[in-house]
């Protein structure tokens, strides 16, 4: 079992092949990261917790539309990394 305060890392590979590490924030439910894509298309999101890739990672996230008011993304709506367990909940 992973440590309660183990590090969570989130990495995004965009459709052009560029990789970006996202900053994670500890929240009561576990961890939070914000994806602010500049490109439409399929992005791959890799998440590891306590240096172990979570089940199902990498996740496919499709960015459909980007404008200054909103970004429409589908693929991670109901998934959470649980704080006290080294598992991914969907």
PDB file of N, CA and C in Angstrom:
ATOM      1  N   UNK A   1       0.845  -1.187   0.000  1.00  0.00           N
ATOM      2  CA  UNK A   1       0.000   0.000   0.000  1.00  0.00           C
ATOM      3  C   UNK A   1       0.887   1.246   0.000  1.00  0.00           C
ATOM      4  N   UNK A   2       0.488   2.219  -0.765  1.00  0.00           N
ATOM      5  CA  UNK A   2       1.255   3.458  -0.876  1.00  0.00           C
ATOM      6  C   UNK A   2       1.145   4.282   0.396  1.00  0.00           C
ATOM      7  N   UNK A   3       2.149   5.123   0.607  1.00  0.00           N
ATOM      8  CA  UNK A   3       2.133   6.040   1.747  1.00  0.00           C
ATOM      9  C   UNK A   3       1.047   7.096   1.555  1.00  0.00           C
ATOM     10  N   UNK A   4       0.462   7.553   2.659  1.00  0.00           N
ATOM     11  CA  UNK A   4      -0.632   8.524   2.607  1.00  0.00           C
ATOM     12  C   UNK A   4      -0.234   9.802   1.866  1.00  0.00           C
ATOM     13  N   UNK A   5       0.975  10.289   2.076  1.00  0.00           N
ATOM     14  CA  UNK A   5       1.427  11.521   1.440  1.00  0.00           C
ATOM     15  C   UNK A   5       2.411  11.267   0.307  1.00  0.00           C
ATOM     16  N   UNK A   6       2.269  10.130  -0.353  1.00  0.00           N
ATOM     17  CA  UNK A   6       3.158   9.797  -1.465  1.00  0.00           C
ATOM     18  C   UNK A   6       2.951  10.791  -2.608  1.00  0.00           C
ATOM     19  N   UNK A   7       3.988  11.015  -3.407  1.00  0.00           N
ATOM     20  CA  UNK A   7       3.854  11.967  -4.514  1.00  0.00           C
ATOM     21  C   UNK A   7       2.968  11.426  -5.639  1.00  0.00           C
ATOM     22  N   UNK A   8       2.236  12.331  -6.251  1.00  0.00           N
ATOM     23  CA  UNK A   8       1.412  12.023  -7.413  1.00  0.00           C
ATOM     24  C   UNK A   8       1.943  12.856  -8.577  1.00  0.00           C
ATOM     25  N   UNK A   9       2.256  12.188  -9.675  1.00  0.00           N
ATOM     26  CA  UNK A   9       2.791  12.873 -10.855  1.00  0.00           C
ATOM     27  C   UNK A   9       1.848  12.686 -12.025  1.00  0.00           C
ATOM     28  N   UNK A  10       1.600  13.775 -12.757  1.00  0.00           N
ATOM     29  CA  UNK A  10       0.724  13.750 -13.921  1.00  0.00           C
ATOM     30  C   UNK A  10       1.501  14.312 -15.103  1.00  0.00           C
ATOM     31  N   UNK A  11       1.533  13.542 -16.187  1.00  0.00           N
ATOM     32  CA  UNK A  11       2.237  13.949 -17.389  1.00  0.00           C
ATOM     33  C   UNK A  11       1.272  13.864 -18.575  1.00  0.00           C
ATOM     34  N   UNK A  12       1.313  14.863 -19.458  1.00  0.00           N
ATOM     35  CA  UNK A  12       0.418  14.903 -20.614  1.00  0.00           C
ATOM     36  C   UNK A  12       1.248  14.934 -21.895  1.00  0.00           C
ATOM     37  N   UNK A  13       0.878  14.049 -22.819  1.00  0.00           N
ATOM     38  CA  UNK A  13       1.484  14.031 -24.144  1.00  0.00           C
ATOM     39  C   UNK A  13       0.435  14.558 -25.114  1.00  0.00           C
ATOM     40  N   UNK A  14       0.745  15.692 -25.783  1.00  0.00           N
ATOM     41  CA  UNK A  14      -0.253  16.291 -26.671  1.00  0.00           C
ATOM     42  C   UNK A  14      -0.188  15.654 -28.058  1.00  0.00           C
ATOM     43  N   UNK A  15      -1.138  15.983 -28.950  1.00  0.00           N
ATOM     44  CA  UNK A  15      -1.175  15.369 -30.279  1.00  0.00           C
ATOM     45  C   UNK A  15       0.072  15.647 -31.127  1.00  0.00           C
ATOM     46  N   UNK A  16       0.813  16.689 -30.801  1.00  0.00           N
ATOM     47  CA  UNK A  16       2.034  17.024 -31.545  1.00  0.00           C
ATOM     48  C   UNK A  16       3.265  16.322 -30.973  1.00  0.00           C
ATOM     49  N   UNK A  17       3.081  15.508 -29.923  1.00  0.00           N
ATOM     50  CA  UNK A  17       4.187  14.764 -29.342  1.00  0.00           C
ATOM     51  C   UNK A  17       4.941  15.488 -28.249  1.00  0.00           C
ATOM     52  N   UNK A  18       4.447  16.640 -27.811  1.00  0.00           N
ATOM     53  CA  UNK A  18       5.094  17.382 -26.726  1.00  0.00           C
ATOM     54  C   UNK A  18       4.594  16.881 -25.379  1.00  0.00           C
ATOM     55  N   UNK A  19       5.519  16.690 -24.457  1.00  0.00           N
ATOM     56  CA  UNK A  19       5.192  16.188 -23.131  1.00  0.00           C
ATOM     57  C   UNK A  19       5.279  17.318 -22.101  1.00  0.00           C
ATOM     58  N   UNK A  20       4.294  17.369 -21.190  1.00  0.00           N
ATOM     59  CA  UNK A  20       4.258  18.389 -20.150  1.00  0.00           C
ATOM     60  C   UNK A  20       3.914  17.734 -18.821  1.00  0.00           C
ATOM     61  N   UNK A  21       4.648  18.084 -17.776  1.00  0.00           N
ATOM     62  CA  UNK A  21       4.317  17.640 -16.427  1.00  0.00           C
ATOM     63  C   UNK A  21       3.387  18.671 -15.806  1.00  0.00           C
ATOM     64  N   UNK A  22       2.281  18.193 -15.240  1.00  0.00           N
ATOM     65  CA  UNK A  22       1.330  19.095 -14.596  1.00  0.00           C
ATOM     66  C   UNK A  22       1.621  19.190 -13.115  1.00  0.00           C
ATOM     67  N   UNK A  23       1.414  20.362 -12.571  1.00  0.00           N
ATOM     68  CA  UNK A  23       1.555  20.561 -11.133  1.00  0.00           C
ATOM     69  C   UNK A  23       0.349  19.909 -10.452  1.00  0.00           C
ATOM     70  N   UNK A  24       0.598  19.153  -9.391  1.00  0.00           N
ATOM     71  CA  UNK A  24      -0.492  18.537  -8.637  1.00  0.00           C
ATOM     72  C   UNK A  24      -0.677  19.274  -7.323  1.00  0.00           C
ATOM     73  N   UNK A  25      -1.911  19.267  -6.853  1.00  0.00           N
ATOM     74  CA  UNK A  25      -2.251  19.928  -5.602  1.00  0.00           C
ATOM     75  C   UNK A  25      -2.967  18.912  -4.716  1.00  0.00           C
ATOM     76  N   UNK A  26      -2.533  18.815  -3.467  1.00  0.00           N
ATOM     77  CA  UNK A  26      -3.188  17.912  -2.523  1.00  0.00           C
ATOM     78  C   UNK A  26      -4.511  18.545  -2.099  1.00  0.00           C
ATOM     79  N   UNK A  27      -5.586  17.778  -2.216  1.00  0.00           N
ATOM     80  CA  UNK A  27      -6.921  18.198  -1.810  1.00  0.00           C
ATOM     81  C   UNK A  27      -7.492  17.105  -0.903  1.00  0.00           C
ATOM     82  N   UNK A  28      -8.575  17.374  -0.178  1.00  0.00           N
ATOM     83  CA  UNK A  28      -9.106  16.358   0.744  1.00  0.00           C
ATOM     84  C   UNK A  28      -9.400  15.001   0.082  1.00  0.00           C
ATOM     85  N   UNK A  29      -9.817  15.003  -1.185  1.00  0.00           N
ATOM     86  CA  UNK A  29     -10.148  13.761  -1.877  1.00  0.00           C
ATOM     87  C   UNK A  29      -8.925  13.031  -2.413  1.00  0.00           C
ATOM     88  N   UNK A  30      -7.762  13.666  -2.437  1.00  0.00           N
ATOM     89  CA  UNK A  30      -6.542  13.070  -2.999  1.00  0.00           C
ATOM     90  C   UNK A  30      -5.665  14.135  -3.622  1.00  0.00           C
ATOM     91  N   UNK A  31      -5.604  14.164  -4.950  1.00  0.00           N
ATOM     92  CA  UNK A  31      -4.793  15.129  -5.680  1.00  0.00           C
ATOM     93  C   UNK A  31      -5.589  15.726  -6.824  1.00  0.00           C
ATOM     94  N   UNK A  32      -5.202  16.927  -7.226  1.00  0.00           N
ATOM     95  CA  UNK A  32      -5.859  17.627  -8.312  1.00  0.00           C
ATOM     96  C   UNK A  32      -4.795  18.182  -9.242  1.00  0.00           C
ATOM     97  N   UNK A  33      -5.062  18.105 -10.535  1.00  0.00           N
ATOM     98  CA  UNK A  33      -4.182  18.707 -11.539  1.00  0.00           C
ATOM     99  C   UNK A  33      -5.068  19.378 -12.577  1.00  0.00           C
ATOM    100  N   UNK A  34      -4.583  20.462 -13.156  1.00  0.00           N
ATOM    101  CA  UNK A  34      -5.359  21.201 -14.151  1.00  0.00           C
ATOM    102  C   UNK A  34      -4.659  21.099 -15.502  1.00  0.00           C
ATOM    103  N   UNK A  35      -5.403  20.637 -16.483  1.00  0.00           N
ATOM    104  CA  UNK A  35      -4.907  20.537 -17.855  1.00  0.00           C
ATOM    105  C   UNK A  35      -5.419  21.746 -18.623  1.00  0.00           C
ATOM    106  N   UNK A  36      -4.505  22.526 -19.196  1.00  0.00           N
ATOM    107  CA  UNK A  36      -4.867  23.691 -20.007  1.00  0.00           C
ATOM    108  C   UNK A  36      -4.278  23.520 -21.398  1.00  0.00           C
ATOM    109  N   UNK A  37      -4.922  22.718 -22.229  1.00  0.00           N
ATOM    110  CA  UNK A  37      -4.349  22.401 -23.542  1.00  0.00           C
ATOM    111  C   UNK A  37      -4.397  23.564 -24.523  1.00  0.00           C
ATOM    112  N   UNK A  38      -3.427  23.574 -25.435  1.00  0.00           N
ATOM    113  CA  UNK A  38      -3.376  24.559 -26.514  1.00  0.00           C
ATOM    114  C   UNK A  38      -3.737  23.928 -27.852  1.00  0.00           C
ATOM    115  N   UNK A  39      -3.833  22.604 -27.880  1.00  0.00           N
ATOM    116  CA  UNK A  39      -4.097  21.883 -29.125  1.00  0.00           C
ATOM    117  C   UNK A  39      -5.353  21.033 -28.990  1.00  0.00           C
ATOM    118  N   UNK A  40      -6.158  20.987 -30.061  1.00  0.00           N
ATOM    119  CA  UNK A  40      -7.271  20.054 -30.090  1.00  0.00           C
ATOM    120  C   UNK A  40      -6.727  18.683 -30.469  1.00  0.00           C
ATOM    121  N   UNK A  41      -7.512  17.657 -30.189  1.00  0.00           N
ATOM    122  CA  UNK A  41      -7.113  16.304 -30.544  1.00  0.00           C
ATOM    123  C   UNK A  41      -6.877  15.439 -29.314  1.00  0.00           C
ATOM    124  N   UNK A  42      -6.367  14.241 -29.565  1.00  0.00           N
ATOM    125  CA  UNK A  42      -6.178  13.244 -28.521  1.00  0.00           C
ATOM    126  C   UNK A  42      -4.915  13.516 -27.698  1.00  0.00           C
ATOM    127  N   UNK A  43      -5.089  13.607 -26.396  1.00  0.00           N
ATOM    128  CA  UNK A  43      -3.992  13.779 -25.444  1.00  0.00           C
ATOM    129  C   UNK A  43      -3.903  12.508 -24.607  1.00  0.00           C
ATOM    130  N   UNK A  44      -2.722  12.108 -24.218  1.00  0.00           N
ATOM    131  CA  UNK A  44      -2.518  10.963 -23.335  1.00  0.00           C
ATOM    132  C   UNK A  44      -2.059  11.479 -21.978  1.00  0.00           C
ATOM    133  N   UNK A  45      -2.810  11.119 -20.919  1.00  0.00           N
ATOM    134  CA  UNK A  45      -2.507  11.566 -19.564  1.00  0.00           C
ATOM    135  C   UNK A  45      -1.999  10.362 -18.772  1.00  0.00           C
ATOM    136  N   UNK A  46      -0.756  10.450 -18.319  1.00  0.00           N
ATOM    137  CA  UNK A  46      -0.138   9.393 -17.522  1.00  0.00           C
ATOM    138  C   UNK A  46      -0.081   9.864 -16.078  1.00  0.00           C
ATOM    139  N   UNK A  47      -0.558   8.999 -15.161  1.00  0.00           N
ATOM    140  CA  UNK A  47      -0.572   9.339 -13.738  1.00  0.00           C
ATOM    141  C   UNK A  47       0.158   8.253 -12.966  1.00  0.00           C
ATOM    142  N   UNK A  48       1.102   8.685 -12.123  1.00  0.00           N
ATOM    143  CA  UNK A  48       1.703   7.718 -11.205  1.00  0.00           C
ATOM    144  C   UNK A  48       1.593   8.242  -9.785  1.00  0.00           C
ATOM    145  N   UNK A  49       1.439   7.291  -8.873  1.00  0.00           N
ATOM    146  CA  UNK A  49       1.280   7.597  -7.457  1.00  0.00           C
ATOM    147  C   UNK A  49       2.288   6.748  -6.702  1.00  0.00           C
ATOM    148  N   UNK A  50       3.138   7.407  -5.923  1.00  0.00           N
ATOM    149  CA  UNK A  50       4.206   6.723  -5.193  1.00  0.00           C
ATOM    150  C   UNK A  50       5.095   5.943  -6.167  1.00  0.00           C
ATOM    151  N   UNK A  51       5.383   6.563  -7.320  1.00  0.00           N
ATOM    152  CA  UNK A  51       6.251   6.018  -8.373  1.00  0.00           C
ATOM    153  C   UNK A  51       5.692   4.780  -9.060  1.00  0.00           C
ATOM    154  N   UNK A  52       4.377   4.524  -8.921  1.00  0.00           N
ATOM    155  CA  UNK A  52       3.738   3.395  -9.592  1.00  0.00           C
ATOM    156  C   UNK A  52       2.611   3.946 -10.464  1.00  0.00           C
ATOM    157  N   UNK A  53       2.623   3.573 -11.745  1.00  0.00           N
ATOM    158  CA  UNK A  53       1.579   4.039 -12.652  1.00  0.00           C
ATOM    159  C   UNK A  53       0.228   3.477 -12.198  1.00  0.00           C
ATOM    160  N   UNK A  54      -0.785   4.342 -12.149  1.00  0.00           N
ATOM    161  CA  UNK A  54      -2.107   3.905 -11.688  1.00  0.00           C
ATOM    162  C   UNK A  54      -2.756   3.031 -12.753  1.00  0.00           C
ATOM    163  N   UNK A  55      -3.616   2.092 -12.346  1.00  0.00           N
ATOM    164  CA  UNK A  55      -4.297   1.221 -13.312  1.00  0.00           C
ATOM    165  C   UNK A  55      -5.069   2.029 -14.347  1.00  0.00           C
ATOM    166  N   UNK A  56      -4.947   1.633 -15.585  1.00  0.00           N
ATOM    167  CA  UNK A  56      -5.635   2.318 -16.676  1.00  0.00           C
ATOM    168  C   UNK A  56      -4.838   3.433 -17.314  1.00  0.00           C
ATOM    169  N   UNK A  57      -3.756   3.853 -16.685  1.00  0.00           N
ATOM    170  CA  UNK A  57      -2.903   4.916 -17.217  1.00  0.00           C
ATOM    171  C   UNK A  57      -2.023   4.332 -18.323  1.00  0.00           C
ATOM    172  N   UNK A  58      -1.838   5.058 -19.418  1.00  0.00           N
ATOM    173  CA  UNK A  58      -2.272   6.425 -19.705  1.00  0.00           C
ATOM    174  C   UNK A  58      -3.746   6.463 -20.121  1.00  0.00           C
ATOM    175  N   UNK A  59      -4.375   7.603 -19.813  1.00  0.00           N
ATOM    176  CA  UNK A  59      -5.768   7.832 -20.142  1.00  0.00           C
ATOM    177  C   UNK A  59      -5.845   8.698 -21.392  1.00  0.00           C
ATOM    178  N   UNK A  60      -6.812   8.407 -22.237  1.00  0.00           N
ATOM    179  CA  UNK A  60      -7.022   9.199 -23.443  1.00  0.00           C
ATOM    180  C   UNK A  60      -8.002  10.319 -23.130  1.00  0.00           C
ATOM    181  N   UNK A  61      -7.623  11.542 -23.479  1.00  0.00           N
ATOM    182  CA  UNK A  61      -8.463  12.712 -23.268  1.00  0.00           C
ATOM    183  C   UNK A  61      -8.556  13.442 -24.599  1.00  0.00           C
ATOM    184  N   UNK A  62      -9.769  13.616 -25.076  1.00  0.00           N
ATOM    185  CA  UNK A  62      -9.984  14.290 -26.354  1.00  0.00           C
ATOM    186  C   UNK A  62     -10.352  15.748 -26.117  1.00  0.00           C
ATOM    187  N   UNK A  63      -9.576  16.658 -26.699  1.00  0.00           N
ATOM    188  CA  UNK A  63      -9.873  18.088 -26.624  1.00  0.00           C
ATOM    189  C   UNK A  63     -10.553  18.460 -27.937  1.00  0.00           C
ATOM    190  N   UNK A  64     -11.805  18.909 -27.819  1.00  0.00           N
ATOM    191  CA  UNK A  64     -12.605  19.183 -29.005  1.00  0.00           C
ATOM    192  C   UNK A  64     -12.567  20.623 -29.464  1.00  0.00           C
ATOM    193  N   UNK A  65     -12.568  21.557 -28.525  1.00  0.00           N
ATOM    194  CA  UNK A  65     -12.664  22.965 -28.899  1.00  0.00           C
ATOM    195  C   UNK A  65     -11.924  23.806 -27.871  1.00  0.00           C
ATOM    196  N   UNK A  66     -11.173  24.772 -28.355  1.00  0.00           N
ATOM    197  CA  UNK A  66     -10.459  25.686 -27.466  1.00  0.00           C
ATOM    198  C   UNK A  66     -10.802  27.112 -27.891  1.00  0.00           C
ATOM    199  N   UNK A  67     -11.241  27.917 -26.932  1.00  0.00           N
ATOM    200  CA  UNK A  67     -11.378  29.348 -27.153  1.00  0.00           C
ATOM    201  C   UNK A  67     -11.078  30.028 -25.833  1.00  0.00           C
ATOM    202  N   UNK A  68     -11.090  31.314 -25.799  1.00  0.00           N
ATOM    203  CA  UNK A  68     -10.703  32.024 -24.583  1.00  0.00           C
ATOM    204  C   UNK A  68     -11.718  31.854 -23.450  1.00  0.00           C
ATOM    205  N   UNK A  69     -12.948  31.460 -23.757  1.00  0.00           N
ATOM    206  CA  UNK A  69     -13.978  31.323 -22.733  1.00  0.00           C
ATOM    207  C   UNK A  69     -14.045  29.923 -22.138  1.00  0.00           C
ATOM    208  N   UNK A  70     -13.727  28.877 -22.949  1.00  0.00           N
ATOM    209  CA  UNK A  70     -13.892  27.517 -22.457  1.00  0.00           C
ATOM    210  C   UNK A  70     -13.062  26.537 -23.269  1.00  0.00           C
ATOM    211  N   UNK A  71     -12.718  25.444 -22.633  1.00  0.00           N
ATOM    212  CA  UNK A  71     -12.055  24.325 -23.294  1.00  0.00           C
ATOM    213  C   UNK A  71     -12.954  23.120 -23.069  1.00  0.00           C
ATOM    214  N   UNK A  72     -13.332  22.432 -24.137  1.00  0.00           N
ATOM    215  CA  UNK A  72     -14.200  21.267 -24.014  1.00  0.00           C
ATOM    216  C   UNK A  72     -13.343  20.013 -24.095  1.00  0.00           C
ATOM    217  N   UNK A  73     -13.370  19.228 -23.014  1.00  0.00           N
ATOM    218  CA  UNK A  73     -12.539  18.035 -22.881  1.00  0.00           C
ATOM    219  C   UNK A  73     -13.431  16.872 -22.463  1.00  0.00           C
ATOM    220  N   UNK A  74     -13.171  15.681 -22.996  1.00  0.00           N
ATOM    221  CA  UNK A  74     -13.881  14.485 -22.560  1.00  0.00           C
ATOM    222  C   UNK A  74     -12.875  13.387 -22.278  1.00  0.00           C
ATOM    223  N   UNK A  75     -13.126  12.616 -21.195  1.00  0.00           N
ATOM    224  CA  UNK A  75     -12.280  11.467 -20.925  1.00  0.00           C
ATOM    225  C   UNK A  75     -11.938  11.237 -19.474  1.00  0.00           C
ATOM    226  N   UNK A  76     -12.000  12.251 -18.628  1.00  0.00           N
ATOM    227  CA  UNK A  76     -11.629  12.075 -17.221  1.00  0.00           C
ATOM    228  C   UNK A  76     -12.731  12.543 -16.269  1.00  0.00           C
ATOM    229  N   UNK A  77     -13.959  12.588 -16.725  1.00  0.00           N
ATOM    230  CA  UNK A  77     -15.041  13.169 -15.942  1.00  0.00           C
ATOM    231  C   UNK A  77     -15.224  12.547 -14.556  1.00  0.00           C
ATOM    232  N   UNK A  78     -15.147  11.235 -14.435  1.00  0.00           N
ATOM    233  CA  UNK A  78     -15.500  10.579 -13.182  1.00  0.00           C
ATOM    234  C   UNK A  78     -14.331   9.861 -12.528  1.00  0.00           C
ATOM    235  N   UNK A  79     -13.128  10.121 -12.928  1.00  0.00           N
ATOM    236  CA  UNK A  79     -11.988   9.393 -12.380  1.00  0.00           C
ATOM    237  C   UNK A  79     -11.327  10.188 -11.267  1.00  0.00           C
ATOM    238  N   UNK A  80     -10.965   9.495 -10.190  1.00  0.00           N
ATOM    239  CA  UNK A  80     -10.287  10.118  -9.055  1.00  0.00           C
ATOM    240  C   UNK A  80      -9.178   9.204  -8.572  1.00  0.00           C
ATOM    241  N   UNK A  81      -8.068   9.778  -8.198  1.00  0.00           N
ATOM    242  CA  UNK A  81      -7.014   9.039  -7.533  1.00  0.00           C
ATOM    243  C   UNK A  81      -7.280   9.148  -6.046  1.00  0.00           C
ATOM    244  N   UNK A  82      -7.526   8.026  -5.403  1.00  0.00           N
ATOM    245  CA  UNK A  82      -7.889   8.044  -3.994  1.00  0.00           C
ATOM    246  C   UNK A  82      -6.682   8.334  -3.122  1.00  0.00           C
ATOM    247  N   UNK A  83      -6.881   9.158  -2.104  1.00  0.00           N
ATOM    248  CA  UNK A  83      -5.808   9.643  -1.250  1.00  0.00           C
ATOM    249  C   UNK A  83      -5.094   8.536  -0.483  1.00  0.00           C
ATOM    250  N   UNK A  84      -5.820   7.621   0.122  1.00  0.00           N
ATOM    251  CA  UNK A  84      -5.212   6.646   1.021  1.00  0.00           C
ATOM    252  C   UNK A  84      -4.969   5.287   0.386  1.00  0.00           C
ATOM    253  N   UNK A  85      -5.136   5.174  -0.920  1.00  0.00           N
ATOM    254  CA  UNK A  85      -4.951   3.893  -1.580  1.00  0.00           C
ATOM    255  C   UNK A  85      -4.175   4.098  -2.857  1.00  0.00           C
ATOM    256  N   UNK A  86      -3.376   3.112  -3.222  1.00  0.00           N
ATOM    257  CA  UNK A  86      -2.649   3.222  -4.474  1.00  0.00           C
ATOM    258  C   UNK A  86      -3.483   2.559  -5.570  1.00  0.00           C
ATOM    259  N   UNK A  87      -4.660   3.126  -5.793  1.00  0.00           N
ATOM    260  CA  UNK A  87      -5.523   2.633  -6.843  1.00  0.00           C
ATOM    261  C   UNK A  87      -6.220   3.809  -7.495  1.00  0.00           C
ATOM    262  N   UNK A  88      -6.744   3.574  -8.650  1.00  0.00           N
ATOM    263  CA  UNK A  88      -7.444   4.614  -9.384  1.00  0.00           C
ATOM    264  C   UNK A  88      -8.910   4.263  -9.386  1.00  0.00           C
ATOM    265  N   UNK A  89      -9.749   5.201  -9.054  1.00  0.00           N
ATOM    266  CA  UNK A  89     -11.185   4.966  -8.970  1.00  0.00           C
ATOM    267  C   UNK A  89     -11.868   5.616 -10.158  1.00  0.00           C
ATOM    268  N   UNK A  90     -12.692   4.840 -10.852  1.00  0.00           N
ATOM    269  CA  UNK A  90     -13.448   5.446 -11.950  1.00  0.00           C
ATOM    270  C   UNK A  90     -14.920   5.132 -11.812  1.00  0.00           C
TER     271      UNK A  90
END
